[in-house]
N, C-alpha and C. Protein backbone atom coordinates (compact mmCIF):
# COMPACT_ATOMS: atom_id res chain seq x y z
N MET A 1 15.33 6.10 -35.67
CA MET A 1 16.14 7.28 -35.55
C MET A 1 16.41 7.52 -34.06
N GLU A 2 17.66 7.71 -33.70
CA GLU A 2 18.04 7.91 -32.31
C GLU A 2 17.95 9.38 -31.92
N LYS A 3 17.63 9.60 -30.65
CA LYS A 3 17.60 10.96 -30.13
C LYS A 3 19.03 11.43 -29.90
N PRO A 4 19.31 12.66 -30.23
CA PRO A 4 20.65 13.18 -29.91
C PRO A 4 20.78 13.38 -28.40
N VAL A 5 21.93 13.09 -27.89
CA VAL A 5 22.19 13.24 -26.46
C VAL A 5 22.78 14.62 -26.23
N SER A 6 22.13 15.37 -25.36
CA SER A 6 22.65 16.71 -25.09
C SER A 6 23.91 16.60 -24.25
N PRO A 7 24.84 17.51 -24.39
CA PRO A 7 26.08 17.44 -23.61
C PRO A 7 25.84 17.57 -22.11
N HIS A 8 24.83 18.31 -21.72
CA HIS A 8 24.54 18.47 -20.31
C HIS A 8 23.95 17.20 -19.71
N HIS A 9 23.18 16.48 -20.50
CA HIS A 9 22.53 15.27 -20.02
C HIS A 9 23.56 14.18 -19.73
N SER A 10 24.54 14.02 -20.57
CA SER A 10 25.51 12.95 -20.38
C SER A 10 26.46 13.23 -19.21
N GLN A 11 26.60 14.47 -18.82
CA GLN A 11 27.51 14.82 -17.73
C GLN A 11 26.79 14.93 -16.38
N ARG A 12 25.49 14.95 -16.41
CA ARG A 12 24.72 15.11 -15.17
C ARG A 12 24.76 13.82 -14.36
N GLN A 13 25.12 13.92 -13.10
CA GLN A 13 25.17 12.75 -12.25
C GLN A 13 23.89 12.68 -11.43
N VAL A 14 23.28 11.51 -11.44
CA VAL A 14 22.06 11.30 -10.67
C VAL A 14 22.39 10.31 -9.56
N ARG A 15 22.10 10.69 -8.35
CA ARG A 15 22.34 9.82 -7.20
C ARG A 15 21.00 9.28 -6.74
N LEU A 16 20.62 8.11 -7.27
CA LEU A 16 19.32 7.56 -6.96
C LEU A 16 19.14 7.24 -5.48
N ASP A 17 20.23 6.95 -4.79
CA ASP A 17 20.11 6.61 -3.38
C ASP A 17 19.64 7.79 -2.52
N GLN A 18 19.60 8.98 -3.09
CA GLN A 18 19.16 10.15 -2.35
C GLN A 18 17.66 10.43 -2.54
N HIS A 19 16.99 9.65 -3.36
CA HIS A 19 15.56 9.84 -3.60
C HIS A 19 14.78 8.92 -2.67
N ASP A 20 13.88 9.48 -1.89
CA ASP A 20 13.12 8.70 -0.92
C ASP A 20 12.33 7.57 -1.57
N SER A 21 11.75 7.80 -2.73
CA SER A 21 10.95 6.75 -3.37
C SER A 21 11.81 5.56 -3.77
N VAL A 22 13.03 5.83 -4.24
CA VAL A 22 13.93 4.74 -4.62
C VAL A 22 14.39 4.00 -3.36
N ARG A 23 14.76 4.74 -2.35
CA ARG A 23 15.22 4.12 -1.10
C ARG A 23 14.10 3.26 -0.50
N SER A 24 12.88 3.76 -0.53
CA SER A 24 11.74 3.02 0.00
C SER A 24 11.51 1.74 -0.79
N HIS A 25 11.58 1.83 -2.10
CA HIS A 25 11.38 0.66 -2.96
C HIS A 25 12.46 -0.39 -2.70
N VAL A 26 13.71 0.03 -2.63
CA VAL A 26 14.81 -0.89 -2.38
C VAL A 26 14.64 -1.55 -1.00
N GLN A 27 14.29 -0.76 -0.01
CA GLN A 27 14.08 -1.30 1.33
C GLN A 27 12.97 -2.35 1.32
N GLN A 28 11.87 -2.06 0.66
CA GLN A 28 10.75 -2.99 0.61
C GLN A 28 11.14 -4.28 -0.10
N GLN A 29 11.85 -4.16 -1.22
CA GLN A 29 12.27 -5.34 -1.98
C GLN A 29 13.18 -6.24 -1.13
N ILE A 30 14.14 -5.64 -0.47
CA ILE A 30 15.09 -6.43 0.32
C ILE A 30 14.39 -7.07 1.52
N CYS A 31 13.51 -6.34 2.16
CA CYS A 31 12.77 -6.91 3.29
C CYS A 31 11.90 -8.08 2.84
N ASP A 32 11.28 -7.96 1.67
CA ASP A 32 10.50 -9.07 1.12
C ASP A 32 11.39 -10.28 0.84
N GLU A 33 12.58 -10.03 0.29
CA GLU A 33 13.52 -11.12 0.00
C GLU A 33 13.95 -11.81 1.29
N VAL A 34 14.21 -11.04 2.33
CA VAL A 34 14.60 -11.62 3.62
C VAL A 34 13.48 -12.49 4.17
N ARG A 35 12.24 -12.02 4.11
CA ARG A 35 11.10 -12.81 4.59
C ARG A 35 10.96 -14.11 3.82
N ARG A 36 11.16 -14.05 2.49
CA ARG A 36 11.06 -15.28 1.68
C ARG A 36 12.17 -16.27 2.07
N LEU A 37 13.36 -15.76 2.27
CA LEU A 37 14.47 -16.63 2.66
C LEU A 37 14.21 -17.24 4.04
N GLU A 38 13.67 -16.46 4.96
CA GLU A 38 13.36 -16.99 6.29
C GLU A 38 12.30 -18.09 6.21
N ARG A 39 11.31 -17.93 5.34
CA ARG A 39 10.30 -18.98 5.16
C ARG A 39 10.92 -20.23 4.56
N ARG A 40 11.84 -20.07 3.60
CA ARG A 40 12.53 -21.23 3.02
C ARG A 40 13.32 -21.98 4.07
N ILE A 41 13.97 -21.22 4.96
CA ILE A 41 14.74 -21.86 6.03
C ILE A 41 13.82 -22.68 6.92
N GLU A 42 12.69 -22.12 7.30
CA GLU A 42 11.74 -22.84 8.15
C GLU A 42 11.24 -24.11 7.45
N THR A 43 10.97 -24.02 6.17
CA THR A 43 10.53 -25.19 5.41
C THR A 43 11.63 -26.24 5.37
N LEU A 44 12.85 -25.81 5.12
CA LEU A 44 13.97 -26.76 5.07
C LEU A 44 14.20 -27.43 6.41
N ARG A 45 13.98 -26.72 7.50
CA ARG A 45 14.17 -27.32 8.82
C ARG A 45 13.16 -28.43 9.09
N LEU A 46 12.02 -28.39 8.41
CA LEU A 46 10.99 -29.41 8.60
C LEU A 46 11.15 -30.60 7.66
N THR A 47 12.05 -30.51 6.69
CA THR A 47 12.23 -31.59 5.73
C THR A 47 13.45 -32.43 6.07
N LYS A 48 13.54 -33.56 5.45
CA LYS A 48 14.68 -34.46 5.63
C LYS A 48 15.57 -34.42 4.39
N ALA A 49 15.62 -33.30 3.73
CA ALA A 49 16.44 -33.17 2.52
C ALA A 49 17.91 -33.42 2.87
N PRO A 50 18.63 -34.13 2.00
CA PRO A 50 20.02 -34.48 2.32
C PRO A 50 20.95 -33.27 2.44
N HIS A 51 20.68 -32.21 1.74
CA HIS A 51 21.57 -31.05 1.77
C HIS A 51 20.91 -29.84 2.43
N ALA A 52 19.93 -30.08 3.27
CA ALA A 52 19.18 -28.99 3.90
C ALA A 52 20.09 -28.09 4.73
N ALA A 53 21.02 -28.67 5.47
CA ALA A 53 21.90 -27.87 6.33
C ALA A 53 22.76 -26.91 5.50
N ILE A 54 23.23 -27.38 4.36
CA ILE A 54 24.04 -26.53 3.48
C ILE A 54 23.20 -25.39 2.92
N MET A 55 21.98 -25.71 2.49
CA MET A 55 21.09 -24.69 1.94
C MET A 55 20.68 -23.68 3.01
N ILE A 56 20.41 -24.16 4.21
CA ILE A 56 20.06 -23.25 5.31
C ILE A 56 21.21 -22.30 5.60
N SER A 57 22.41 -22.83 5.63
CA SER A 57 23.59 -22.00 5.88
C SER A 57 23.75 -20.93 4.80
N ALA A 58 23.55 -21.32 3.55
CA ALA A 58 23.66 -20.35 2.44
C ALA A 58 22.59 -19.28 2.56
N TYR A 59 21.36 -19.68 2.88
CA TYR A 59 20.27 -18.71 3.02
C TYR A 59 20.54 -17.77 4.20
N GLU A 60 21.09 -18.29 5.28
CA GLU A 60 21.39 -17.44 6.44
C GLU A 60 22.47 -16.41 6.09
N ARG A 61 23.46 -16.81 5.30
CA ARG A 61 24.48 -15.85 4.86
C ARG A 61 23.86 -14.78 3.97
N MET A 62 22.95 -15.19 3.09
CA MET A 62 22.27 -14.22 2.21
C MET A 62 21.47 -13.22 3.05
N ILE A 63 20.77 -13.71 4.05
CA ILE A 63 19.99 -12.83 4.93
C ILE A 63 20.92 -11.86 5.64
N CYS A 64 22.02 -12.36 6.14
CA CYS A 64 22.98 -11.51 6.85
C CYS A 64 23.50 -10.40 5.93
N ARG A 65 23.81 -10.74 4.69
CA ARG A 65 24.32 -9.75 3.74
C ARG A 65 23.25 -8.72 3.40
N LYS A 66 22.03 -9.19 3.22
CA LYS A 66 20.95 -8.26 2.89
C LYS A 66 20.67 -7.30 4.05
N LYS A 67 20.69 -7.83 5.27
CA LYS A 67 20.48 -6.97 6.43
C LYS A 67 21.65 -6.01 6.59
N GLY A 68 22.86 -6.46 6.28
CA GLY A 68 24.03 -5.58 6.32
C GLY A 68 23.91 -4.46 5.31
N PHE A 69 23.40 -4.77 4.12
CA PHE A 69 23.18 -3.75 3.09
C PHE A 69 22.21 -2.70 3.60
N LEU A 70 21.10 -3.16 4.18
CA LEU A 70 20.10 -2.23 4.72
C LEU A 70 20.72 -1.33 5.79
N GLN A 71 21.54 -1.91 6.63
CA GLN A 71 22.17 -1.13 7.70
C GLN A 71 23.17 -0.14 7.13
N ASN A 72 23.99 -0.57 6.18
CA ASN A 72 24.99 0.32 5.59
C ASN A 72 24.38 1.52 4.87
N TRP A 73 23.19 1.34 4.32
CA TRP A 73 22.51 2.42 3.59
C TRP A 73 21.46 3.10 4.42
N ASP A 74 21.45 2.83 5.72
CA ASP A 74 20.47 3.42 6.65
C ASP A 74 19.04 3.22 6.18
N LEU A 75 18.73 1.97 5.83
CA LEU A 75 17.39 1.66 5.33
C LEU A 75 16.58 0.83 6.33
N GLN A 76 17.08 0.63 7.52
CA GLN A 76 16.36 -0.23 8.46
C GLN A 76 15.22 0.46 9.11
């Protein structure tokens, strides 16, 4: 049996980006992702993988985008 949706509930707008706990969680997740990508880049630089340069370039673009997201949302 489904719960009825109140008319006020469906019209209420929630802006999660304004909650400190959500902003903190998002910041922590993205910073962790950036650190993991940086470690992958360092590992790739030490290997002789045939496509390492392409993968490093892709990871660097991902890092740049993630850091840009943090900056745009004032999460740095």
